[in-house]
Amino acid sequence: MRPKTIIICAIAVGTSLGMLGCGHKLVAHNGDSTVAVYPDENTFNKLSDLKKQGGVVGGLIGGVGEGLATKQVDNNTPVRIISSDDKGSQIEVLDGASKGMHGFVPKDNVANAAMPW
């Protein structure tokens, strides 16, 4: 083989291996096995505000609204970050039963995936 071909192949393999470790995954907390994925950031903000209003009614309405508005996705599910801000990330689910789904998750529910080696 020519040296130029070897160099190009080495760069392609190195880039491919590097991209494997650059993914993200969903992270559940407090003993949960799933993560709530909101349809969009506005829905997340509205439900968070309802919960913060306090009292039994605010918390109950916020909890029920969250159950109706969100989709539960398994812990450690690989995702692609489409965009992010200080509150969280717009994501696309890459694997599992919800593969292809788009939505919003709070920033503490997304982590860098571990390197495969």
PDB file of N, CA and C in Angstrom:
ATOM      1  N   MET A   1       0.828  -1.177   0.000  1.00  0.00           N
ATOM      2  CA  MET A   1       0.000   0.000   0.000  1.00  0.00           C
ATOM      3  C   MET A   1       0.873   1.241   0.000  1.00  0.00           C
ATOM      4  N   ARG A   2       0.304   2.262  -0.549  1.00  0.00           N
ATOM      5  CA  ARG A   2       1.028   3.521  -0.572  1.00  0.00           C
ATOM      6  C   ARG A   2       0.911   4.207   0.783  1.00  0.00           C
ATOM      7  N   PRO A   3       1.927   4.951   1.166  1.00  0.00           N
ATOM      8  CA  PRO A   3       1.896   5.637   2.468  1.00  0.00           C
ATOM      9  C   PRO A   3       0.703   6.599   2.598  1.00  0.00           C
ATOM     10  N   LYS A   4       0.324   7.257   1.521  1.00  0.00           N
ATOM     11  CA  LYS A   4      -0.800   8.194   1.565  1.00  0.00           C
ATOM     12  C   LYS A   4      -2.100   7.454   1.908  1.00  0.00           C
ATOM     13  N   THR A   5      -2.281   6.276   1.330  1.00  0.00           N
ATOM     14  CA  THR A   5      -3.483   5.479   1.605  1.00  0.00           C
ATOM     15  C   THR A   5      -3.505   5.027   3.058  1.00  0.00           C
ATOM     16  N   ILE A   6      -2.359   4.640   3.588  1.00  0.00           N
ATOM     17  CA  ILE A   6      -2.266   4.201   4.985  1.00  0.00           C
ATOM     18  C   ILE A   6      -2.618   5.357   5.923  1.00  0.00           C
ATOM     19  N   ILE A   7      -2.122   6.518   5.633  1.00  0.00           N
ATOM     20  CA  ILE A   7      -2.392   7.694   6.470  1.00  0.00           C
ATOM     21  C   ILE A   7      -3.880   8.038   6.446  1.00  0.00           C
ATOM     22  N   ILE A   8      -4.487   8.024   5.276  1.00  0.00           N
ATOM     23  CA  ILE A   8      -5.917   8.328   5.158  1.00  0.00           C
ATOM     24  C   ILE A   8      -6.753   7.303   5.917  1.00  0.00           C
ATOM     25  N   CYS A   9      -6.401   6.035   5.803  1.00  0.00           N
ATOM     26  CA  CYS A   9      -7.121   4.978   6.531  1.00  0.00           C
ATOM     27  C   CYS A   9      -6.968   5.153   8.040  1.00  0.00           C
ATOM     28  N   ALA A  10      -5.761   5.490   8.485  1.00  0.00           N
ATOM     29  CA  ALA A  10      -5.515   5.679   9.914  1.00  0.00           C
ATOM     30  C   ALA A  10      -6.338   6.851  10.452  1.00  0.00           C
ATOM     31  N   ILE A  11      -6.428   7.916   9.696  1.00  0.00           N
ATOM     32  CA  ILE A  11      -7.229   9.073  10.120  1.00  0.00           C
ATOM     33  C   ILE A  11      -8.707   8.697  10.186  1.00  0.00           C
ATOM     34  N   ALA A  12      -9.187   7.959   9.203  1.00  0.00           N
ATOM     35  CA  ALA A  12     -10.591   7.542   9.189  1.00  0.00           C
ATOM     36  C   ALA A  12     -10.920   6.646  10.381  1.00  0.00           C
ATOM     37  N   VAL A  13     -10.035   5.692  10.681  1.00  0.00           N
ATOM     38  CA  VAL A  13     -10.259   4.797  11.813  1.00  0.00           C
ATOM     39  C   VAL A  13     -10.200   5.582  13.127  1.00  0.00           C
ATOM     40  N   GLY A  14      -9.241   6.459  13.263  1.00  0.00           N
ATOM     41  CA  GLY A  14      -9.116   7.265  14.485  1.00  0.00           C
ATOM     42  C   GLY A  14     -10.323   8.155  14.712  1.00  0.00           C
ATOM     43  N   THR A  15     -10.816   8.767  13.652  1.00  0.00           N
ATOM     44  CA  THR A  15     -12.000   9.614  13.764  1.00  0.00           C
ATOM     45  C   THR A  15     -13.221   8.786  14.162  1.00  0.00           C
ATOM     46  N   SER A  16     -13.376   7.622  13.566  1.00  0.00           N
ATOM     47  CA  SER A  16     -14.509   6.750  13.896  1.00  0.00           C
ATOM     48  C   SER A  16     -14.464   6.316  15.354  1.00  0.00           C
ATOM     49  N   LEU A  17     -13.303   5.927  15.836  1.00  0.00           N
ATOM     50  CA  LEU A  17     -13.171   5.523  17.241  1.00  0.00           C
ATOM     51  C   LEU A  17     -13.421   6.694  18.177  1.00  0.00           C
ATOM     52  N   GLY A  18     -12.961   7.859  17.810  1.00  0.00           N
ATOM     53  CA  GLY A  18     -13.189   9.051  18.627  1.00  0.00           C
ATOM     54  C   GLY A  18     -14.655   9.409  18.723  1.00  0.00           C
ATOM     55  N   MET A  19     -15.390   9.219  17.646  1.00  0.00           N
ATOM     56  CA  MET A  19     -16.809   9.552  17.643  1.00  0.00           C
ATOM     57  C   MET A  19     -17.620   8.582  18.499  1.00  0.00           C
ATOM     58  N   LEU A  20     -17.162   7.364  18.679  1.00  0.00           N
ATOM     59  CA  LEU A  20     -17.877   6.394  19.499  1.00  0.00           C
ATOM     60  C   LEU A  20     -18.004   6.859  20.943  1.00  0.00           C
ATOM     61  N   GLY A  21     -16.996   7.536  21.449  1.00  0.00           N
ATOM     62  CA  GLY A  21     -17.014   7.974  22.831  1.00  0.00           C
ATOM     63  C   GLY A  21     -17.616   9.338  23.038  1.00  0.00           C
ATOM     64  N   CYS A  22     -18.095   9.995  22.007  1.00  0.00           N
ATOM     65  CA  CYS A  22     -18.602  11.356  22.118  1.00  0.00           C
ATOM     66  C   CYS A  22     -20.106  11.420  22.313  1.00  0.00           C
ATOM     67  N   GLY A  23     -20.747  10.305  22.555  1.00  0.00           N
ATOM     68  CA  GLY A  23     -22.189  10.306  22.717  1.00  0.00           C
ATOM     69  C   GLY A  23     -22.608  10.736  24.109  1.00  0.00           C
ATOM     70  N   HIS A  24     -23.898  10.804  24.290  1.00  0.00           N
ATOM     71  CA  HIS A  24     -24.479  11.141  25.584  1.00  0.00           C
ATOM     72  C   HIS A  24     -25.518  10.091  25.936  1.00  0.00           C
ATOM     73  N   LYS A  25     -25.880  10.050  27.195  1.00  0.00           N
ATOM     74  CA  LYS A  25     -26.897   9.103  27.647  1.00  0.00           C
ATOM     75  C   LYS A  25     -27.785   9.780  28.676  1.00  0.00           C
ATOM     76  N   LEU A  26     -28.988   9.223  28.852  1.00  0.00           N
ATOM     77  CA  LEU A  26     -29.902   9.712  29.872  1.00  0.00           C
ATOM     78  C   LEU A  26     -29.511   9.123  31.220  1.00  0.00           C
ATOM     79  N   VAL A  27     -29.677   9.903  32.281  1.00  0.00           N
ATOM     80  CA  VAL A  27     -29.312   9.478  33.620  1.00  0.00           C
ATOM     81  C   VAL A  27     -30.495   9.705  34.561  1.00  0.00           C
ATOM     82  N   ALA A  28     -31.007   8.626  35.134  1.00  0.00           N
ATOM     83  CA  ALA A  28     -32.098   8.712  36.114  1.00  0.00           C
ATOM     84  C   ALA A  28     -31.505   8.954  37.501  1.00  0.00           C
ATOM     85  N   HIS A  29     -32.299   9.572  38.378  1.00  0.00           N
ATOM     86  CA  HIS A  29     -31.848   9.876  39.734  1.00  0.00           C
ATOM     87  C   HIS A  29     -32.834   9.328  40.762  1.00  0.00           C
ATOM     88  N   ASN A  30     -32.399   9.304  42.007  1.00  0.00           N
ATOM     89  CA  ASN A  30     -33.242   8.926  43.146  1.00  0.00           C
ATOM     90  C   ASN A  30     -33.846   7.537  43.008  1.00  0.00           C
ATOM     91  N   GLY A  31     -33.093   6.600  42.482  1.00  0.00           N
ATOM     92  CA  GLY A  31     -33.569   5.233  42.369  1.00  0.00           C
ATOM     93  C   GLY A  31     -34.533   4.980  41.222  1.00  0.00           C
ATOM     94  N   ASP A  32     -34.789   5.987  40.399  1.00  0.00           N
ATOM     95  CA  ASP A  32     -35.676   5.798  39.245  1.00  0.00           C
ATOM     96  C   ASP A  32     -34.975   4.981  38.172  1.00  0.00           C
ATOM     97  N   SER A  33     -35.753   4.275  37.368  1.00  0.00           N
ATOM     98  CA  SER A  33     -35.190   3.506  36.262  1.00  0.00           C
ATOM     99  C   SER A  33     -35.490   4.149  34.918  1.00  0.00           C
ATOM    100  N   THR A  34     -36.215   5.272  34.942  1.00  0.00           N
ATOM    101  CA  THR A  34     -36.542   5.988  33.715  1.00  0.00           C
ATOM    102  C   THR A  34     -36.315   7.488  33.901  1.00  0.00           C
ATOM    103  N   VAL A  35     -36.256   8.187  32.767  1.00  0.00           N
ATOM    104  CA  VAL A  35     -36.092   9.633  32.743  1.00  0.00           C
ATOM    105  C   VAL A  35     -37.286  10.226  31.999  1.00  0.00           C
ATOM    106  N   ALA A  36     -37.851  11.294  32.538  1.00  0.00           N
ATOM    107  CA  ALA A  36     -38.971  11.978  31.880  1.00  0.00           C
ATOM    108  C   ALA A  36     -38.428  12.840  30.743  1.00  0.00           C
ATOM    109  N   VAL A  37     -38.955  12.606  29.534  1.00  0.00           N
ATOM    110  CA  VAL A  37     -38.590  13.417  28.377  1.00  0.00           C
ATOM    111  C   VAL A  37     -39.812  14.262  28.030  1.00  0.00           C
ATOM    112  N   TYR A  38     -39.646  15.572  28.099  1.00  0.00           N
ATOM    113  CA  TYR A  38     -40.729  16.521  27.841  1.00  0.00           C
ATOM    114  C   TYR A  38     -40.811  16.795  26.343  1.00  0.00           C
ATOM    115  N   PRO A  39     -42.003  17.140  25.857  1.00  0.00           N
ATOM    116  CA  PRO A  39     -42.131  17.430  24.426  1.00  0.00           C
ATOM    117  C   PRO A  39     -41.278  18.621  23.988  1.00  0.00           C
ATOM    118  N   ASP A  40     -41.137  19.619  24.886  1.00  0.00           N
ATOM    119  CA  ASP A  40     -40.338  20.803  24.578  1.00  0.00           C
ATOM    120  C   ASP A  40     -39.986  21.522  25.877  1.00  0.00           C
ATOM    121  N   GLU A  41     -39.146  22.533  25.770  1.00  0.00           N
ATOM    122  CA  GLU A  41     -38.682  23.255  26.957  1.00  0.00           C
ATOM    123  C   GLU A  41     -39.807  24.062  27.593  1.00  0.00           C
ATOM    124  N   ASN A  42     -40.723  24.587  26.797  1.00  0.00           N
ATOM    125  CA  ASN A  42     -41.840  25.356  27.353  1.00  0.00           C
ATOM    126  C   ASN A  42     -42.697  24.499  28.272  1.00  0.00           C
ATOM    127  N   THR A  43     -42.975  23.267  27.883  1.00  0.00           N
ATOM    128  CA  THR A  43     -43.753  22.355  28.723  1.00  0.00           C
ATOM    129  C   THR A  43     -43.014  22.092  30.034  1.00  0.00           C
ATOM    130  N   PHE A  44     -41.722  21.866  29.951  1.00  0.00           N
ATOM    131  CA  PHE A  44     -40.908  21.666  31.156  1.00  0.00           C
ATOM    132  C   PHE A  44     -41.009  22.874  32.078  1.00  0.00           C
ATOM    133  N   ASN A  45     -40.876  24.082  31.518  1.00  0.00           N
ATOM    134  CA  ASN A  45     -40.938  25.307  32.326  1.00  0.00           C
ATOM    135  C   ASN A  45     -42.296  25.462  32.998  1.00  0.00           C
ATOM    136  N   LYS A  46     -43.376  25.235  32.260  1.00  0.00           N
ATOM    137  CA  LYS A  46     -44.720  25.385  32.824  1.00  0.00           C
ATOM    138  C   LYS A  46     -44.966  24.403  33.958  1.00  0.00           C
ATOM    139  N   LEU A  47     -44.583  23.149  33.755  1.00  0.00           N
ATOM    140  CA  LEU A  47     -44.796  22.149  34.803  1.00  0.00           C
ATOM    141  C   LEU A  47     -43.909  22.406  36.012  1.00  0.00           C
ATOM    142  N   SER A  48     -42.694  22.870  35.795  1.00  0.00           N
ATOM    143  CA  SER A  48     -41.808  23.210  36.913  1.00  0.00           C
ATOM    144  C   SER A  48     -42.381  24.361  37.718  1.00  0.00           C
ATOM    145  N   ASP A  49     -42.934  25.357  37.037  1.00  0.00           N
ATOM    146  CA  ASP A  49     -43.547  26.495  37.727  1.00  0.00           C
ATOM    147  C   ASP A  49     -44.741  26.048  38.564  1.00  0.00           C
ATOM    148  N   LEU A  50     -45.563  25.146  38.028  1.00  0.00           N
ATOM    149  CA  LEU A  50     -46.707  24.633  38.789  1.00  0.00           C
ATOM    150  C   LEU A  50     -46.249  23.932  40.063  1.00  0.00           C
ATOM    151  N   LYS A  51     -45.195  23.143  39.967  1.00  0.00           N
ATOM    152  CA  LYS A  51     -44.685  22.432  41.140  1.00  0.00           C
ATOM    153  C   LYS A  51     -44.137  23.414  42.179  1.00  0.00           C
ATOM    154  N   LYS A  52     -43.502  24.492  41.702  1.00  0.00           N
ATOM    155  CA  LYS A  52     -42.894  25.473  42.607  1.00  0.00           C
ATOM    156  C   LYS A  52     -43.934  26.329  43.318  1.00  0.00           C
ATOM    157  N   GLN A  53     -45.143  26.398  42.784  1.00  0.00           N
ATOM    158  CA  GLN A  53     -46.175  27.225  43.404  1.00  0.00           C
ATOM    159  C   GLN A  53     -46.513  26.726  44.795  1.00  0.00           C
ATOM    160  N   GLY A  54     -46.146  25.507  45.058  1.00  0.00           N
ATOM    161  CA  GLY A  54     -46.292  24.973  46.396  1.00  0.00           C
ATOM    162  C   GLY A  54     -47.688  24.527  46.723  1.00  0.00           C
ATOM    163  N   GLY A  55     -47.806  24.040  47.906  1.00  0.00           N
ATOM    164  CA  GLY A  55     -49.093  23.554  48.357  1.00  0.00           C
ATOM    165  C   GLY A  55     -49.458  22.229  47.715  1.00  0.00           C
ATOM    166  N   VAL A  56     -50.501  21.662  48.194  1.00  0.00           N
ATOM    167  CA  VAL A  56     -50.950  20.366  47.696  1.00  0.00           C
ATOM    168  C   VAL A  56     -51.450  20.482  46.265  1.00  0.00           C
ATOM    169  N   VAL A  57     -52.233  21.532  45.983  1.00  0.00           N
ATOM    170  CA  VAL A  57     -52.839  21.674  44.661  1.00  0.00           C
ATOM    171  C   VAL A  57     -51.781  21.891  43.581  1.00  0.00           C
ATOM    172  N   GLY A  58     -50.842  22.811  43.823  1.00  0.00           N
ATOM    173  CA  GLY A  58     -49.794  23.079  42.837  1.00  0.00           C
ATOM    174  C   GLY A  58     -48.939  21.856  42.562  1.00  0.00           C
ATOM    175  N   GLY A  59     -48.532  21.166  43.620  1.00  0.00           N
ATOM    176  CA  GLY A  59     -47.723  19.963  43.455  1.00  0.00           C
ATOM    177  C   GLY A  59     -48.473  18.843  42.774  1.00  0.00           C
ATOM    178  N   LEU A  60     -49.754  18.697  43.119  1.00  0.00           N
ATOM    179  CA  LEU A  60     -50.572  17.641  42.523  1.00  0.00           C
ATOM    180  C   LEU A  60     -50.789  17.899  41.037  1.00  0.00           C
ATOM    181  N   ILE A  61     -51.156  19.123  40.700  1.00  0.00           N
ATOM    182  CA  ILE A  61     -51.386  19.459  39.285  1.00  0.00           C
ATOM    183  C   ILE A  61     -50.090  19.323  38.492  1.00  0.00           C
ATOM    184  N   GLY A  62     -48.965  19.782  39.062  1.00  0.00           N
ATOM    185  CA  GLY A  62     -47.681  19.644  38.387  1.00  0.00           C
ATOM    186  C   GLY A  62     -47.296  18.197  38.165  1.00  0.00           C
ATOM    187  N   GLY A  63     -47.535  17.350  39.183  1.00  0.00           N
ATOM    188  CA  GLY A  63     -47.207  15.927  39.060  1.00  0.00           C
ATOM    189  C   GLY A  63     -48.073  15.210  38.045  1.00  0.00           C
ATOM    190  N   VAL A  64     -49.375  15.509  38.052  1.00  0.00           N
ATOM    191  CA  VAL A  64     -50.289  14.894  37.086  1.00  0.00           C
ATOM    192  C   VAL A  64     -49.956  15.367  35.683  1.00  0.00           C
ATOM    193  N   GLY A  65     -49.692  16.671  35.544  1.00  0.00           N
ATOM    194  CA  GLY A  65     -49.331  17.215  34.231  1.00  0.00           C
ATOM    195  C   GLY A  65     -48.073  16.596  33.686  1.00  0.00           C
ATOM    196  N   GLU A  66     -47.108  16.373  34.566  1.00  0.00           N
ATOM    197  CA  GLU A  66     -45.857  15.742  34.130  1.00  0.00           C
ATOM    198  C   GLU A  66     -46.120  14.323  33.634  1.00  0.00           C
ATOM    199  N   GLY A  67     -46.961  13.593  34.354  1.00  0.00           N
ATOM    200  CA  GLY A  67     -47.286  12.224  33.947  1.00  0.00           C
ATOM    201  C   GLY A  67     -47.971  12.161  32.603  1.00  0.00           C
ATOM    202  N   LEU A  68     -48.801  13.149  32.308  1.00  0.00           N
ATOM    203  CA  LEU A  68     -49.527  13.170  31.040  1.00  0.00           C
ATOM    204  C   LEU A  68     -48.685  13.720  29.887  1.00  0.00           C
ATOM    205  N   ALA A  69     -47.812  14.668  30.181  1.00  0.00           N
ATOM    206  CA  ALA A  69     -47.087  15.368  29.119  1.00  0.00           C
ATOM    207  C   ALA A  69     -45.772  14.710  28.731  1.00  0.00           C
ATOM    208  N   THR A  70     -45.214  13.888  29.608  1.00  0.00           N
ATOM    209  CA  THR A  70     -43.881  13.341  29.336  1.00  0.00           C
ATOM    210  C   THR A  70     -43.939  11.898  28.877  1.00  0.00           C
ATOM    211  N   LYS A  71     -42.844  11.477  28.287  1.00  0.00           N
ATOM    212  CA  LYS A  71     -42.648  10.069  27.913  1.00  0.00           C
ATOM    213  C   LYS A  71     -41.484   9.577  28.762  1.00  0.00           C
ATOM    214  N   GLN A  72     -41.631   8.423  29.357  1.00  0.00           N
ATOM    215  CA  GLN A  72     -40.576   7.853  30.187  1.00  0.00           C
ATOM    216  C   GLN A  72     -39.635   7.018  29.316  1.00  0.00           C
ATOM    217  N   VAL A  73     -38.338   7.317  29.394  1.00  0.00           N
ATOM    218  CA  VAL A  73     -37.320   6.619  28.611  1.00  0.00           C
ATOM    219  C   VAL A  73     -36.341   5.976  29.595  1.00  0.00           C
ATOM    220  N   ASP A  74     -35.911   4.770  29.290  1.00  0.00           N
ATOM    221  CA  ASP A  74     -35.037   4.004  30.187  1.00  0.00           C
ATOM    222  C   ASP A  74     -33.734   4.726  30.501  1.00  0.00           C
ATOM    223  N   ASN A  75     -33.266   4.498  31.729  1.00  0.00           N
ATOM    224  CA  ASN A  75     -31.981   4.997  32.175  1.00  0.00           C
ATOM    225  C   ASN A  75     -30.874   4.472  31.257  1.00  0.00           C
ATOM    226  N   ASN A  76     -29.842   5.261  31.036  1.00  0.00           N
ATOM    227  CA  ASN A  76     -28.669   4.927  30.212  1.00  0.00           C
ATOM    228  C   ASN A  76     -28.976   4.787  28.725  1.00  0.00           C
ATOM    229  N   THR A  77     -30.114   5.267  28.269  1.00  0.00           N
ATOM    230  CA  THR A  77     -30.433   5.234  26.843  1.00  0.00           C
ATOM    231  C   THR A  77     -29.545   6.249  26.111  1.00  0.00           C
ATOM    232  N   PRO A  78     -28.888   5.848  25.026  1.00  0.00           N
ATOM    233  CA  PRO A  78     -28.051   6.797  24.281  1.00  0.00           C
ATOM    234  C   PRO A  78     -28.901   7.835  23.565  1.00  0.00           C
ATOM    235  N   VAL A  79     -28.429   9.086  23.605  1.00  0.00           N
ATOM    236  CA  VAL A  79     -29.126  10.194  22.959  1.00  0.00           C
ATOM    237  C   VAL A  79     -28.130  11.080  22.230  1.00  0.00           C
ATOM    238  N   ARG A  80     -28.658  11.846  21.291  1.00  0.00           N
ATOM    239  CA  ARG A  80     -27.861  12.860  20.592  1.00  0.00           C
ATOM    240  C   ARG A  80     -28.397  14.209  21.029  1.00  0.00           C
ATOM    241  N   ILE A  81     -27.510  15.107  21.430  1.00  0.00           N
ATOM    242  CA  ILE A  81     -27.923  16.449  21.816  1.00  0.00           C
ATOM    243  C   ILE A  81     -28.047  17.300  20.563  1.00  0.00           C
ATOM    244  N   ILE A  82     -29.235  17.853  20.377  1.00  0.00           N
ATOM    245  CA  ILE A  82     -29.496  18.722  19.235  1.00  0.00           C
ATOM    246  C   ILE A  82     -29.110  20.151  19.587  1.00  0.00           C
ATOM    247  N   SER A  83     -29.523  20.596  20.778  1.00  0.00           N
ATOM    248  CA  SER A  83     -29.145  21.910  21.290  1.00  0.00           C
ATOM    249  C   SER A  83     -29.272  21.879  22.804  1.00  0.00           C
ATOM    250  N   SER A  84     -28.643  22.825  23.464  1.00  0.00           N
ATOM    251  CA  SER A  84     -28.745  22.865  24.918  1.00  0.00           C
ATOM    252  C   SER A  84     -28.627  24.294  25.415  1.00  0.00           C
ATOM    253  N   ASP A  85     -29.133  24.517  26.621  1.00  0.00           N
ATOM    254  CA  ASP A  85     -29.001  25.797  27.292  1.00  0.00           C
ATOM    255  C   ASP A  85     -28.777  25.532  28.775  1.00  0.00           C
ATOM    256  N   ASP A  86     -28.921  26.562  29.611  1.00  0.00           N
ATOM    257  CA  ASP A  86     -28.635  26.386  31.030  1.00  0.00           C
ATOM    258  C   ASP A  86     -29.649  25.512  31.764  1.00  0.00           C
ATOM    259  N   LYS A  87     -30.828  25.274  31.192  1.00  0.00           N
ATOM    260  CA  LYS A  87     -31.842  24.435  31.844  1.00  0.00           C
ATOM    261  C   LYS A  87     -31.784  22.979  31.402  1.00  0.00           C
ATOM    262  N   GLY A  88     -31.355  22.718  30.178  1.00  0.00           N
ATOM    263  CA  GLY A  88     -31.333  21.344  29.695  1.00  0.00           C
ATOM    264  C   GLY A  88     -30.999  21.246  28.229  1.00  0.00           C
ATOM    265  N   SER A  89     -31.409  20.120  27.619  1.00  0.00           N
ATOM    266  CA  SER A  89     -31.042  19.836  26.235  1.00  0.00           C
ATOM    267  C   SER A  89     -32.219  19.311  25.427  1.00  0.00           C
ATOM    268  N   GLN A  90     -32.270  19.724  24.170  1.00  0.00           N
ATOM    269  CA  GLN A  90     -33.145  19.101  23.192  1.00  0.00           C
ATOM    270  C   GLN A  90     -32.391  17.874  22.707  1.00  0.00           C
ATOM    271  N   ILE A  91     -33.038  16.714  22.758  1.00  0.00           N
ATOM    272  CA  ILE A  91     -32.338  15.476  22.442  1.00  0.00           C
ATOM    273  C   ILE A  91     -33.106  14.654  21.410  1.00  0.00           C
ATOM    274  N   GLU A  92     -32.390  13.704  20.816  1.00  0.00           N
ATOM    275  CA  GLU A  92     -32.986  12.669  19.980  1.00  0.00           C
ATOM    276  C   GLU A  92     -32.559  11.334  20.569  1.00  0.00           C
ATOM    277  N   VAL A  93     -33.505  10.448  20.821  1.00  0.00           N
ATOM    278  CA  VAL A  93     -33.208   9.131  21.371  1.00  0.00           C
ATOM    279  C   VAL A  93     -32.648   8.262  20.250  1.00  0.00           C
ATOM    280  N   LEU A  94     -31.496   7.628  20.492  1.00  0.00           N
ATOM    281  CA  LEU A  94     -30.792   6.867  19.463  1.00  0.00           C
ATOM    282  C   LEU A  94     -31.027   5.364  19.502  1.00  0.00           C
ATOM    283  N   ASP A  95     -31.615   4.845  20.587  1.00  0.00           N
ATOM    284  CA  ASP A  95     -31.775   3.403  20.700  1.00  0.00           C
ATOM    285  C   ASP A  95     -32.952   3.091  21.619  1.00  0.00           C
ATOM    286  N   GLY A  96     -33.398   1.858  21.585  1.00  0.00           N
ATOM    287  CA  GLY A  96     -34.456   1.406  22.472  1.00  0.00           C
ATOM    288  C   GLY A  96     -35.848   1.608  21.891  1.00  0.00           C
ATOM    289  N   ALA A  97     -36.840   1.429  22.741  1.00  0.00           N
ATOM    290  CA  ALA A  97     -38.243   1.492  22.320  1.00  0.00           C
ATOM    291  C   ALA A  97     -38.644   2.877  21.820  1.00  0.00           C
ATOM    292  N   SER A  98     -37.972   3.909  22.287  1.00  0.00           N
ATOM    293  CA  SER A  98     -38.309   5.285  21.894  1.00  0.00           C
ATOM    294  C   SER A  98     -37.361   5.843  20.833  1.00  0.00           C
ATOM    295  N   LYS A  99     -36.650   4.978  20.142  1.00  0.00           N
ATOM    296  CA  LYS A  99     -35.672   5.410  19.133  1.00  0.00           C
ATOM    297  C   LYS A  99     -36.330   6.382  18.153  1.00  0.00           C
ATOM    298  N   GLY A 100     -35.641   7.497  17.906  1.00  0.00           N
ATOM    299  CA  GLY A 100     -36.130   8.509  16.977  1.00  0.00           C
ATOM    300  C   GLY A 100     -36.939   9.614  17.635  1.00  0.00           C
ATOM    301  N   MET A 101     -37.336   9.429  18.890  1.00  0.00           N
ATOM    302  CA  MET A 101     -38.121  10.445  19.590  1.00  0.00           C
ATOM    303  C   MET A 101     -37.268  11.673  19.877  1.00  0.00           C
ATOM    304  N   HIS A 102     -37.880  12.842  19.750  1.00  0.00           N
ATOM    305  CA  HIS A 102     -37.233  14.103  20.086  1.00  0.00           C
ATOM    306  C   HIS A 102     -37.922  14.672  21.317  1.00  0.00           C
ATOM    307  N   GLY A 103     -37.165  15.392  22.142  1.00  0.00           N
ATOM    308  CA  GLY A 103     -37.757  16.009  23.310  1.00  0.00           C
ATOM    309  C   GLY A 103     -36.736  16.793  24.105  1.00  0.00           C
ATOM    310  N   PHE A 104     -37.176  17.265  25.268  1.00  0.00           N
ATOM    311  CA  PHE A 104     -36.347  18.084  26.155  1.00  0.00           C
ATOM    312  C   PHE A 104     -36.140  17.345  27.470  1.00  0.00           C
ATOM    313  N   VAL A 105     -34.908  17.362  27.978  1.00  0.00           N
ATOM    314  CA  VAL A 105     -34.608  16.811  29.297  1.00  0.00           C
ATOM    315  C   VAL A 105     -33.805  17.831  30.098  1.00  0.00           C
ATOM    316  N   PRO A 106     -34.047  17.909  31.408  1.00  0.00           N
ATOM    317  CA  PRO A 106     -33.258  18.803  32.258  1.00  0.00           C
ATOM    318  C   PRO A 106     -31.777  18.433  32.200  1.00  0.00           C
ATOM    319  N   LYS A 107     -30.919  19.429  32.449  1.00  0.00           N
ATOM    320  CA  LYS A 107     -29.479  19.212  32.278  1.00  0.00           C
ATOM    321  C   LYS A 107     -28.915  18.132  33.183  1.00  0.00           C
ATOM    322  N   ASP A 108     -29.503  17.910  34.358  1.00  0.00           N
ATOM    323  CA  ASP A 108     -28.955  16.877  35.249  1.00  0.00           C
ATOM    324  C   ASP A 108     -29.361  15.461  34.838  1.00  0.00           C
ATOM    325  N   ASN A 109     -30.165  15.330  33.784  1.00  0.00           N
ATOM    326  CA  ASN A 109     -30.557  14.002  33.299  1.00  0.00           C
ATOM    327  C   ASN A 109     -29.811  13.578  32.043  1.00  0.00           C
ATOM    328  N   VAL A 110     -28.762  14.329  31.660  1.00  0.00           N
ATOM    329  CA  VAL A 110     -27.942  13.969  30.495  1.00  0.00           C
ATOM    330  C   VAL A 110     -26.490  13.963  30.917  1.00  0.00           C
ATOM    331  N   ALA A 111     -25.759  12.912  30.497  1.00  0.00           N
ATOM    332  CA  ALA A 111     -24.342  12.803  30.832  1.00  0.00           C
ATOM    333  C   ALA A 111     -23.580  12.294  29.618  1.00  0.00           C
ATOM    334  N   ASN A 112     -22.277  12.566  29.601  1.00  0.00           N
ATOM    335  CA  ASN A 112     -21.432  11.991  28.550  1.00  0.00           C
ATOM    336  C   ASN A 112     -21.397  10.490  28.730  1.00  0.00           C
ATOM    337  N   ALA A 113     -21.511   9.782  27.622  1.00  0.00           N
ATOM    338  CA  ALA A 113     -21.409   8.321  27.670  1.00  0.00           C
ATOM    339  C   ALA A 113     -19.968   7.934  27.958  1.00  0.00           C
ATOM    340  N   ALA A 114     -19.796   6.842  28.640  1.00  0.00           N
ATOM    341  CA  ALA A 114     -18.447   6.354  28.958  1.00  0.00           C
ATOM    342  C   ALA A 114     -17.743   5.910  27.695  1.00  0.00           C
ATOM    343  N   MET A 115     -16.455   6.072  27.675  1.00  0.00           N
ATOM    344  CA  MET A 115     -15.656   5.627  26.535  1.00  0.00           C
ATOM    345  C   MET A 115     -15.752   4.107  26.444  1.00  0.00           C
ATOM    346  N   PRO A 116     -15.831   3.551  25.229  1.00  0.00           N
ATOM    347  CA  PRO A 116     -16.015   2.109  25.080  1.00  0.00           C
ATOM    348  C   PRO A 116     -14.782   1.286  25.411  1.00  0.00           C
ATOM    349  N   TRP A 117     -13.660   1.888  25.673  1.00  0.00           N
ATOM    350  CA  TRP A 117     -12.460   1.105  25.973  1.00  0.00           C
ATOM    351  C   TRP A 117     -11.959   1.387  27.346  1.00  0.00           C
TER     352      TRP A 117
END
